[in-house]
Amino acid sequence: EGESCHGYFGGIYYNLLSLAWGSRARHKKPCPVAAGSTTSLKIFLK
């Protein structure tokens, strides 16, 4: 979601998928995130 804000979020996105799924990351789609409480992006990053 943050990719439009800063290009580094693209790298973080692919790295996190790689950490989650290993070599299968390129075949996986992002996980759905159910609505719930929110926080700022800054706190999320921390």
All heavy atoms as atom14 arrays in JSON, in Angstrom:
{
  "sequence": "EGESCHGYFGGIYYNLLSLAWGSRARHKKPCPVAAGSTTSLKIFLK",
  "atom14_mask": [
    [1, 1, 1, 1, 1, 1, 1, 1, 1, 0, 0, 0, 0, 0],
    [1, 1, 1, 1, 0, 0, 0, 0, 0, 0, 0, 0, 0, 0],
    [1, 1, 1, 1, 1, 1, 1, 1, 1, 0, 0, 0, 0, 0],
    [1, 1, 1, 1, 1, 1, 0, 0, 0, 0, 0, 0, 0, 0],
    [1, 1, 1, 1, 1, 1, 0, 0, 0, 0, 0, 0, 0, 0],
    [1, 1, 1, 1, 1, 1, 1, 1, 1, 1, 0, 0, 0, 0],
    [1, 1, 1, 1, 0, 0, 0, 0, 0, 0, 0, 0, 0, 0],
    [1, 1, 1, 1, 1, 1, 1, 1, 1, 1, 1, 1, 0, 0],
    [1, 1, 1, 1, 1, 1, 1, 1, 1, 1, 1, 0, 0, 0],
    [1, 1, 1, 1, 0, 0, 0, 0, 0, 0, 0, 0, 0, 0],
    [1, 1, 1, 1, 0, 0, 0, 0, 0, 0, 0, 0, 0, 0],
    [1, 1, 1, 1, 1, 1, 1, 1, 0, 0, 0, 0, 0, 0],
    [1, 1, 1, 1, 1, 1, 1, 1, 1, 1, 1, 1, 0, 0],
    [1, 1, 1, 1, 1, 1, 1, 1, 1, 1, 1, 1, 0, 0],
    [1, 1, 1, 1, 1, 1, 1, 1, 0, 0, 0, 0, 0, 0],
    [1, 1, 1, 1, 1, 1, 1, 1, 0, 0, 0, 0, 0, 0],
    [1, 1, 1, 1, 1, 1, 1, 1, 0, 0, 0, 0, 0, 0],
    [1, 1, 1, 1, 1, 1, 0, 0, 0, 0, 0, 0, 0, 0],
    [1, 1, 1, 1, 1, 1, 1, 1, 0, 0, 0, 0, 0, 0],
    [1, 1, 1, 1, 1, 0, 0, 0, 0, 0, 0, 0, 0, 0],
    [1, 1, 1, 1, 1, 1, 1, 1, 1, 1, 1, 1, 1, 1],
    [1, 1, 1, 1, 0, 0, 0, 0, 0, 0, 0, 0, 0, 0],
    [1, 1, 1, 1, 1, 1, 0, 0, 0, 0, 0, 0, 0, 0],
    [1, 1, 1, 1, 1, 1, 1, 1, 1, 1, 1, 0, 0, 0],
    [1, 1, 1, 1, 1, 0, 0, 0, 0, 0, 0, 0, 0, 0],
    [1, 1, 1, 1, 1, 1, 1, 1, 1, 1, 1, 0, 0, 0],
    [1, 1, 1, 1, 1, 1, 1, 1, 1, 1, 0, 0, 0, 0],
    [1, 1, 1, 1, 1, 1, 1, 1, 1, 0, 0, 0, 0, 0],
    [1, 1, 1, 1, 1, 1, 1, 1, 1, 0, 0, 0, 0, 0],
    [1, 1, 1, 1, 1, 1, 1, 0, 0, 0, 0, 0, 0, 0],
    [1, 1, 1, 1, 1, 1, 0, 0, 0, 0, 0, 0, 0, 0],
    [1, 1, 1, 1, 1, 1, 1, 0, 0, 0, 0, 0, 0, 0],
    [1, 1, 1, 1, 1, 1, 1, 0, 0, 0, 0, 0, 0, 0],
    [1, 1, 1, 1, 1, 0, 0, 0, 0, 0, 0, 0, 0, 0],
    [1, 1, 1, 1, 1, 0, 0, 0, 0, 0, 0, 0, 0, 0],
    [1, 1, 1, 1, 0, 0, 0, 0, 0, 0, 0, 0, 0, 0],
    [1, 1, 1, 1, 1, 1, 0, 0, 0, 0, 0, 0, 0, 0],
    [1, 1, 1, 1, 1, 1, 1, 0, 0, 0, 0, 0, 0, 0],
    [1, 1, 1, 1, 1, 1, 1, 0, 0, 0, 0, 0, 0, 0],
    [1, 1, 1, 1, 1, 1, 0, 0, 0, 0, 0, 0, 0, 0],
    [1, 1, 1, 1, 1, 1, 1, 1, 0, 0, 0, 0, 0, 0],
    [1, 1, 1, 1, 1, 1, 1, 1, 1, 0, 0, 0, 0, 0],
    [1, 1, 1, 1, 1, 1, 1, 1, 0, 0, 0, 0, 0, 0],
    [1, 1, 1, 1, 1, 1, 1, 1, 1, 1, 1, 0, 0, 0],
    [1, 1, 1, 1, 1, 1, 1, 1, 0, 0, 0, 0, 0, 0],
    [1, 1, 1, 1, 1, 1, 1, 1, 1, 0, 0, 0, 0, 0]
  ],
  "atom14_positions": [
    [[0.82, -1.21, 0.0], [0.0, 0.0, 0.0], [0.86, 1.26, 0.0], [0.43, 2.3, -0.49], [-0.92, 0.02, 1.23], [-1.99, -1.03, 1.23], [-2.82, -1.02, 2.51], [-2.8, -0.01, 3.26], [-3.49, -2.03, 2.78], [0.0, 0.0, 0.0], [0.0, 0.0, 0.0], [0.0, 0.0, 0.0], [0.0, 0.0, 0.0], [0.0, 0.0, 0.0]],
    [[2.06, 1.17, 0.56], [2.94, 2.33, 0.65], [3.8, 2.56, -0.57], [4.53, 3.55, -0.64], [0.0, 0.0, 0.0], [0.0, 0.0, 0.0], [0.0, 0.0, 0.0], [0.0, 0.0, 0.0], [0.0, 0.0, 0.0], [0.0, 0.0, 0.0], [0.0, 0.0, 0.0], [0.0, 0.0, 0.0], [0.0, 0.0, 0.0], [0.0, 0.0, 0.0]],
    [[3.73, 1.66, -1.56], [4.58, 1.79, -2.75], [4.38, 3.11, -3.48], [5.34, 3.66, -4.01], [4.33, 0.63, -3.72], [5.08, -0.63, -3.37], [4.88, -1.71, -4.41], [3.73, -2.12, -4.63], [5.89, -2.13, -5.01], [0.0, 0.0, 0.0], [0.0, 0.0, 0.0], [0.0, 0.0, 0.0], [0.0, 0.0, 0.0], [0.0, 0.0, 0.0]],
    [[3.17, 3.62, -3.49], [2.93, 4.89, -4.18], [3.55, 6.06, -3.43], [3.79, 7.12, -4.01], [1.43, 5.11, -4.36], [0.8, 5.19, -3.1], [0.0, 0.0, 0.0], [0.0, 0.0, 0.0], [0.0, 0.0, 0.0], [0.0, 0.0, 0.0], [0.0, 0.0, 0.0], [0.0, 0.0, 0.0], [0.0, 0.0, 0.0], [0.0, 0.0, 0.0]],
    [[3.81, 5.88, -2.16], [4.38, 6.92, -1.32], [5.91, 7.0, -1.48], [6.46, 8.08, -1.6], [4.03, 6.64, 0.13], [4.89, 7.67, 1.31], [0.0, 0.0, 0.0], [0.0, 0.0, 0.0], [0.0, 0.0, 0.0], [0.0, 0.0, 0.0], [0.0, 0.0, 0.0], [0.0, 0.0, 0.0], [0.0, 0.0, 0.0], [0.0, 0.0, 0.0]],
    [[6.55, 5.85, -1.46], [8.02, 5.81, -1.56], [8.44, 4.49, -2.19], [7.89, 3.44, -1.86], [8.65, 5.97, -0.18], [10.09, 6.35, -0.24], [11.06, 5.48, -0.61], [10.7, 7.53, 0.0], [12.24, 6.09, -0.57], [12.05, 7.34, -0.21], [0.0, 0.0, 0.0], [0.0, 0.0, 0.0], [0.0, 0.0, 0.0], [0.0, 0.0, 0.0]],
    [[9.42, 4.55, -3.06], [9.88, 3.37, -3.78], [10.44, 2.27, -2.9], [10.4, 1.1, -3.26], [0.0, 0.0, 0.0], [0.0, 0.0, 0.0], [0.0, 0.0, 0.0], [0.0, 0.0, 0.0], [0.0, 0.0, 0.0], [0.0, 0.0, 0.0], [0.0, 0.0, 0.0], [0.0, 0.0, 0.0], [0.0, 0.0, 0.0], [0.0, 0.0, 0.0]],
    [[10.96, 2.62, -1.72], [11.52, 1.6, -0.84], [10.47, 0.59, -0.38], [10.8, -0.53, -0.03], [12.18, 2.24, 0.38], [13.59, 2.74, 0.14], [14.1, 2.88, -1.13], [14.4, 3.07, 1.21], [15.37, 3.34, -1.35], [15.7, 3.54, 1.01], [16.17, 3.66, -0.27], [17.45, 4.11, -0.47], [0.0, 0.0, 0.0], [0.0, 0.0, 0.0]],
    [[9.21, 1.01, -0.37], [8.17, 0.08, 0.05], [8.06, -1.09, -0.92], [7.65, -2.18, -0.52], [6.82, 0.8, 0.19], [6.73, 1.63, 1.43], [6.87, 3.0, 1.36], [6.51, 1.04, 2.66], [6.78, 3.77, 2.5], [6.43, 1.8, 3.81], [6.57, 3.18, 3.73], [0.0, 0.0, 0.0], [0.0, 0.0, 0.0], [0.0, 0.0, 0.0]],
    [[8.41, -0.88, -2.18], [8.41, -1.99, -3.14], [9.43, -3.04, -2.75], [9.15, -4.24, -2.77], [0.0, 0.0, 0.0], [0.0, 0.0, 0.0], [0.0, 0.0, 0.0], [0.0, 0.0, 0.0], [0.0, 0.0, 0.0], [0.0, 0.0, 0.0], [0.0, 0.0, 0.0], [0.0, 0.0, 0.0], [0.0, 0.0, 0.0], [0.0, 0.0, 0.0]],
    [[10.63, -2.61, -2.37], [11.66, -3.54, -1.92], [11.26, -4.26, -0.65], [11.48, -5.46, -0.49], [0.0, 0.0, 0.0], [0.0, 0.0, 0.0], [0.0, 0.0, 0.0], [0.0, 0.0, 0.0], [0.0, 0.0, 0.0], [0.0, 0.0, 0.0], [0.0, 0.0, 0.0], [0.0, 0.0, 0.0], [0.0, 0.0, 0.0], [0.0, 0.0, 0.0]],
    [[10.65, -3.51, 0.27], [10.2, -4.11, 1.53], [9.13, -5.15, 1.24], [9.13, -6.25, 1.81], [9.71, -3.02, 2.5], [10.89, -2.16, 2.96], [8.98, -3.63, 3.69], [10.5, -0.91, 3.71], [0.0, 0.0, 0.0], [0.0, 0.0, 0.0], [0.0, 0.0, 0.0], [0.0, 0.0, 0.0], [0.0, 0.0, 0.0], [0.0, 0.0, 0.0]],
    [[8.21, -4.82, 0.34], [7.15, -5.76, -0.04], [7.72, -7.08, -0.54], [7.36, -8.16, -0.05], [6.26, -5.11, -1.11], [5.36, -6.08, -1.84], [4.25, -6.62, -1.21], [5.63, -6.45, -3.16], [3.41, -7.5, -1.87], [4.8, -7.34, -3.82], [3.7, -7.86, -3.18], [2.88, -8.75, -3.83], [0.0, 0.0, 0.0], [0.0, 0.0, 0.0]],
    [[8.62, -7.02, -1.51], [9.19, -8.25, -2.07], [10.05, -9.0, -1.05], [10.02, -10.24, -1.01], [9.98, -7.95, -3.34], [9.08, -7.61, -4.49], [9.02, -6.33, -5.01], [8.23, -8.56, -5.05], [8.16, -6.0, -6.05], [7.36, -8.26, -6.09], [7.34, -6.98, -6.57], [6.48, -6.67, -7.59], [0.0, 0.0, 0.0], [0.0, 0.0, 0.0]],
    [[10.77, -8.29, -0.22], [11.57, -8.95, 0.81], [10.68, -9.68, 1.82], [10.99, -10.8, 2.23], [12.47, -7.94, 1.53], [13.68, -7.56, 0.71], [13.92, -8.09, -0.37], [14.45, -6.62, 1.22], [0.0, 0.0, 0.0], [0.0, 0.0, 0.0], [0.0, 0.0, 0.0], [0.0, 0.0, 0.0], [0.0, 0.0, 0.0], [0.0, 0.0, 0.0]],
    [[9.59, -9.03, 2.23], [8.69, -9.67, 3.19], [8.03, -10.91, 2.6], [7.9, -11.93, 3.28], [7.63, -8.68, 3.67], [8.15, -7.56, 4.58], [7.05, -6.53, 4.83], [8.68, -8.11, 5.89], [0.0, 0.0, 0.0], [0.0, 0.0, 0.0], [0.0, 0.0, 0.0], [0.0, 0.0, 0.0], [0.0, 0.0, 0.0], [0.0, 0.0, 0.0]],
    [[7.63, -10.83, 1.33], [7.08, -12.03, 0.69], [8.12, -13.14, 0.63], [7.82, -14.31, 0.86], [6.58, -11.71, -0.72], [5.18, -11.15, -0.87], [4.82, -11.01, -2.34], [4.14, -11.97, -0.14], [0.0, 0.0, 0.0], [0.0, 0.0, 0.0], [0.0, 0.0, 0.0], [0.0, 0.0, 0.0], [0.0, 0.0, 0.0], [0.0, 0.0, 0.0]],
    [[9.34, -12.78, 0.34], [10.42, -13.76, 0.29], [10.65, -14.39, 1.65], [10.87, -15.59, 1.76], [11.69, -13.08, -0.21], [12.78, -13.97, -0.15], [0.0, 0.0, 0.0], [0.0, 0.0, 0.0], [0.0, 0.0, 0.0], [0.0, 0.0, 0.0], [0.0, 0.0, 0.0], [0.0, 0.0, 0.0], [0.0, 0.0, 0.0], [0.0, 0.0, 0.0]],
    [[10.6, -13.59, 2.71], [10.77, -14.12, 4.06], [9.61, -15.03, 4.44], [9.79, -16.03, 5.12], [10.91, -12.98, 5.07], [12.2, -12.17, 4.98], [12.09, -10.91, 5.84], [13.39, -13.01, 5.4], [0.0, 0.0, 0.0], [0.0, 0.0, 0.0], [0.0, 0.0, 0.0], [0.0, 0.0, 0.0], [0.0, 0.0, 0.0], [0.0, 0.0, 0.0]],
    [[8.42, -14.67, 4.0], [7.23, -15.46, 4.34], [7.18, -16.78, 3.57], [6.88, -17.83, 4.13], [5.97, -14.65, 4.07], [0.0, 0.0, 0.0], [0.0, 0.0, 0.0], [0.0, 0.0, 0.0], [0.0, 0.0, 0.0], [0.0, 0.0, 0.0], [0.0, 0.0, 0.0], [0.0, 0.0, 0.0], [0.0, 0.0, 0.0], [0.0, 0.0, 0.0]],
    [[7.47, -16.73, 2.28], [7.24, -17.88, 1.42], [8.5, -18.5, 0.82], [8.42, -19.48, 0.09], [6.29, -17.51, 0.28], [4.98, -17.02, 0.77], [4.49, -15.76, 0.65], [3.98, -17.76, 1.48], [3.25, -15.67, 1.24], [2.91, -16.88, 1.74], [3.89, -19.09, 1.91], [1.77, -17.3, 2.44], [2.75, -19.48, 2.58], [1.72, -18.59, 2.84]],
    [[9.66, -17.93, 1.06], [10.9, -18.48, 0.52], [10.93, -18.41, -1.0], [10.5, -17.42, -1.59], [0.0, 0.0, 0.0], [0.0, 0.0, 0.0], [0.0, 0.0, 0.0], [0.0, 0.0, 0.0], [0.0, 0.0, 0.0], [0.0, 0.0, 0.0], [0.0, 0.0, 0.0], [0.0, 0.0, 0.0], [0.0, 0.0, 0.0], [0.0, 0.0, 0.0]],
    [[11.39, -19.46, -1.61], [11.54, -19.48, -3.07], [10.19, -19.49, -3.78], [10.12, -19.26, -4.98], [12.36, -20.69, -3.51], [11.68, -21.88, -3.17], [0.0, 0.0, 0.0], [0.0, 0.0, 0.0], [0.0, 0.0, 0.0], [0.0, 0.0, 0.0], [0.0, 0.0, 0.0], [0.0, 0.0, 0.0], [0.0, 0.0, 0.0], [0.0, 0.0, 0.0]],
    [[9.11, -19.76, -3.05], [7.78, -19.78, -3.65], [7.15, -18.4, -3.73], [6.03, -18.24, -4.18], [6.85, -20.7, -2.86], [7.37, -22.13, -2.8], [6.56, -22.95, -1.83], [6.77, -22.38, -0.49], [6.0, -22.62, 0.55], [4.97, -23.4, 0.43], [6.25, -22.09, 1.73], [0.0, 0.0, 0.0], [0.0, 0.0, 0.0], [0.0, 0.0, 0.0]],
    [[7.85, -17.37, -3.27], [7.29, -16.02, -3.16], [6.78, -15.49, -4.49], [5.77, -14.8, -4.54], [8.33, -15.06, -2.57], [0.0, 0.0, 0.0], [0.0, 0.0, 0.0], [0.0, 0.0, 0.0], [0.0, 0.0, 0.0], [0.0, 0.0, 0.0], [0.0, 0.0, 0.0], [0.0, 0.0, 0.0], [0.0, 0.0, 0.0], [0.0, 0.0, 0.0]],
    [[7.46, -15.81, -5.56], [7.05, -15.25, -6.85], [5.71, -15.82, -7.32], [5.08, -15.29, -8.21], [8.13, -15.45, -7.9], [8.39, -16.89, -8.26], [9.49, -16.99, -9.33], [9.85, -18.37, -9.54], [10.89, -18.96, -9.0], [11.7, -18.28, -8.23], [11.14, -20.23, -9.23], [0.0, 0.0, 0.0], [0.0, 0.0, 0.0], [0.0, 0.0, 0.0]],
    [[5.29, -16.93, -6.71], [4.02, -17.56, -7.09], [2.88, -17.2, -6.13], [1.77, -17.66, -6.31], [4.17, -19.08, -7.13], [5.24, -19.54, -8.05], [5.18, -19.37, -9.41], [6.43, -20.14, -7.8], [6.28, -19.86, -9.96], [7.04, -20.34, -9.02], [0.0, 0.0, 0.0], [0.0, 0.0, 0.0], [0.0, 0.0, 0.0], [0.0, 0.0, 0.0]],
    [[3.19, -16.43, -5.12], [2.19, -16.11, -4.1], [1.67, -14.69, -4.27], [2.37, -13.81, -4.74], [2.8, -16.24, -2.69], [3.23, -17.64, -2.33], [2.03, -18.51, -2.07], [2.45, -19.88, -1.6], [1.34, -20.72, -1.25], [0.0, 0.0, 0.0], [0.0, 0.0, 0.0], [0.0, 0.0, 0.0], [0.0, 0.0, 0.0], [0.0, 0.0, 0.0]],
    [[0.46, -14.51, -3.85], [-0.15, -13.18, -3.83], [-0.11, -12.69, -2.39], [-0.01, -13.49, -1.46], [-1.58, -13.24, -4.33], [-1.68, -13.6, -5.79], [-3.09, -13.61, -6.26], [-3.11, -13.97, -7.74], [-4.43, -14.07, -8.27], [0.0, 0.0, 0.0], [0.0, 0.0, 0.0], [0.0, 0.0, 0.0], [0.0, 0.0, 0.0], [0.0, 0.0, 0.0]],
    [[-0.23, -11.38, -2.19], [-0.25, -10.87, -0.82], [-1.42, -11.45, -0.04], [-2.46, -11.79, -0.61], [-0.42, -9.37, -1.0], [-0.06, -9.09, -2.42], [-0.33, -10.34, -3.19], [0.0, 0.0, 0.0], [0.0, 0.0, 0.0], [0.0, 0.0, 0.0], [0.0, 0.0, 0.0], [0.0, 0.0, 0.0], [0.0, 0.0, 0.0], [0.0, 0.0, 0.0]],
    [[-1.23, -11.59, 1.25], [-2.29, -12.11, 2.13], [-3.37, -11.06, 2.33], [-3.06, -9.88, 2.45], [-1.71, -12.48, 3.48], [-0.51, -13.81, 3.42], [0.0, 0.0, 0.0], [0.0, 0.0, 0.0], [0.0, 0.0, 0.0], [0.0, 0.0, 0.0], [0.0, 0.0, 0.0], [0.0, 0.0, 0.0], [0.0, 0.0, 0.0], [0.0, 0.0, 0.0]],
    [[-4.6, -11.5, 2.4], [-5.66, -10.54, 2.71], [-5.53, -10.06, 4.15], [-5.13, -10.81, 5.04], [-6.94, -11.35, 2.51], [-6.52, -12.78, 2.63], [-5.09, -12.85, 2.21], [0.0, 0.0, 0.0], [0.0, 0.0, 0.0], [0.0, 0.0, 0.0], [0.0, 0.0, 0.0], [0.0, 0.0, 0.0], [0.0, 0.0, 0.0], [0.0, 0.0, 0.0]],
    [[-5.84, -8.81, 4.36], [-5.78, -8.22, 5.69], [-7.19, -7.77, 6.04], [-7.73, -6.88, 5.39], [-4.78, -7.04, 5.74], [-4.75, -6.42, 7.11], [-3.39, -7.5, 5.32], [0.0, 0.0, 0.0], [0.0, 0.0, 0.0], [0.0, 0.0, 0.0], [0.0, 0.0, 0.0], [0.0, 0.0, 0.0], [0.0, 0.0, 0.0], [0.0, 0.0, 0.0]],
    [[-7.75, -8.38, 7.06], [-9.12, -8.05, 7.47], [-9.15, -6.67, 8.12], [-8.19, -6.24, 8.75], [-9.63, -9.1, 8.45], [0.0, 0.0, 0.0], [0.0, 0.0, 0.0], [0.0, 0.0, 0.0], [0.0, 0.0, 0.0], [0.0, 0.0, 0.0], [0.0, 0.0, 0.0], [0.0, 0.0, 0.0], [0.0, 0.0, 0.0], [0.0, 0.0, 0.0]],
    [[-10.28, -6.01, 7.95], [-10.45, -4.7, 8.57], [-10.38, -4.85, 10.08], [-10.74, -5.88, 10.64], [-11.79, -4.11, 8.17], [0.0, 0.0, 0.0], [0.0, 0.0, 0.0], [0.0, 0.0, 0.0], [0.0, 0.0, 0.0], [0.0, 0.0, 0.0], [0.0, 0.0, 0.0], [0.0, 0.0, 0.0], [0.0, 0.0, 0.0], [0.0, 0.0, 0.0]],
    [[-9.85, -3.86, 10.71], [-9.72, -3.89, 12.17], [-9.2, -2.55, 12.64], [-9.35, -1.54, 11.94], [0.0, 0.0, 0.0], [0.0, 0.0, 0.0], [0.0, 0.0, 0.0], [0.0, 0.0, 0.0], [0.0, 0.0, 0.0], [0.0, 0.0, 0.0], [0.0, 0.0, 0.0], [0.0, 0.0, 0.0], [0.0, 0.0, 0.0], [0.0, 0.0, 0.0]],
    [[-8.58, -2.56, 13.79], [-8.04, -1.31, 14.3], [-6.92, -0.83, 13.37], [-6.29, -1.62, 12.67], [-7.52, -1.49, 15.72], [-6.43, -2.39, 15.73], [0.0, 0.0, 0.0], [0.0, 0.0, 0.0], [0.0, 0.0, 0.0], [0.0, 0.0, 0.0], [0.0, 0.0, 0.0], [0.0, 0.0, 0.0], [0.0, 0.0, 0.0], [0.0, 0.0, 0.0]],
    [[-6.71, 0.45, 13.36], [-5.69, 1.02, 12.48], [-4.6, 1.68, 13.31], [-4.76, 1.96, 14.5], [-6.29, 2.06, 11.52], [-6.87, 3.11, 12.28], [-7.33, 1.42, 10.61], [0.0, 0.0, 0.0], [0.0, 0.0, 0.0], [0.0, 0.0, 0.0], [0.0, 0.0, 0.0], [0.0, 0.0, 0.0], [0.0, 0.0, 0.0], [0.0, 0.0, 0.0]],
    [[-3.51, 1.93, 12.65], [-2.37, 2.64, 13.23], [-1.73, 3.46, 12.12], [-2.02, 3.25, 10.94], [-1.38, 1.64, 13.86], [-0.37, 2.36, 14.56], [-0.72, 0.76, 12.81], [0.0, 0.0, 0.0], [0.0, 0.0, 0.0], [0.0, 0.0, 0.0], [0.0, 0.0, 0.0], [0.0, 0.0, 0.0], [0.0, 0.0, 0.0], [0.0, 0.0, 0.0]],
    [[-0.86, 4.35, 12.49], [-0.17, 5.13, 11.46], [0.9, 4.27, 10.8], [1.4, 3.31, 11.39], [0.48, 6.38, 12.06], [1.57, 6.01, 12.88], [0.0, 0.0, 0.0], [0.0, 0.0, 0.0], [0.0, 0.0, 0.0], [0.0, 0.0, 0.0], [0.0, 0.0, 0.0], [0.0, 0.0, 0.0], [0.0, 0.0, 0.0], [0.0, 0.0, 0.0]],
    [[1.25, 4.61, 9.59], [2.29, 3.89, 8.88], [3.61, 3.96, 9.64], [4.36, 2.99, 9.69], [2.46, 4.45, 7.46], [3.46, 3.72, 6.57], [3.05, 2.27, 6.37], [3.57, 4.43, 5.23], [0.0, 0.0, 0.0], [0.0, 0.0, 0.0], [0.0, 0.0, 0.0], [0.0, 0.0, 0.0], [0.0, 0.0, 0.0], [0.0, 0.0, 0.0]],
    [[3.88, 5.09, 10.27], [5.11, 5.27, 11.03], [5.2, 4.25, 12.18], [6.23, 3.61, 12.37], [5.2, 6.69, 11.57], [6.51, 7.0, 12.25], [6.62, 8.47, 12.58], [8.02, 8.77, 13.11], [8.27, 10.2, 13.2], [0.0, 0.0, 0.0], [0.0, 0.0, 0.0], [0.0, 0.0, 0.0], [0.0, 0.0, 0.0], [0.0, 0.0, 0.0]],
    [[4.13, 4.08, 12.92], [4.11, 3.11, 14.02], [4.18, 1.69, 13.48], [4.88, 0.84, 14.04], [2.87, 3.33, 14.91], [3.0, 4.67, 15.64], [2.69, 2.18, 15.9], [1.77, 5.09, 16.4], [0.0, 0.0, 0.0], [0.0, 0.0, 0.0], [0.0, 0.0, 0.0], [0.0, 0.0, 0.0], [0.0, 0.0, 0.0], [0.0, 0.0, 0.0]],
    [[3.48, 1.43, 12.37], [3.55, 0.12, 11.74], [4.99, -0.25, 11.38], [5.44, -1.36, 11.64], [2.67, 0.09, 10.47], [2.91, -1.12, 9.62], [2.36, -2.34, 9.94], [3.72, -1.04, 8.49], [2.59, -3.46, 9.15], [3.97, -2.14, 7.7], [3.4, -3.36, 8.03], [0.0, 0.0, 0.0], [0.0, 0.0, 0.0], [0.0, 0.0, 0.0]],
    [[5.72, 0.7, 10.79], [7.11, 0.44, 10.4], [7.98, 0.13, 11.62], [8.84, -0.74, 11.57], [7.68, 1.62, 9.63], [7.06, 1.89, 8.26], [7.63, 3.15, 7.65], [7.25, 0.7, 7.33], [0.0, 0.0, 0.0], [0.0, 0.0, 0.0], [0.0, 0.0, 0.0], [0.0, 0.0, 0.0], [0.0, 0.0, 0.0], [0.0, 0.0, 0.0]],
    [[7.74, 0.85, 12.7], [8.51, 0.63, 13.93], [8.24, -0.77, 14.48], [9.16, -1.5, 14.86], [8.16, 1.68, 14.98], [8.98, 1.59, 16.25], [8.55, 2.61, 17.28], [9.12, 3.95, 16.91], [8.9, 4.97, 17.95], [0.0, 0.0, 0.0], [0.0, 0.0, 0.0], [0.0, 0.0, 0.0], [0.0, 0.0, 0.0], [0.0, 0.0, 0.0]]
  ]
}
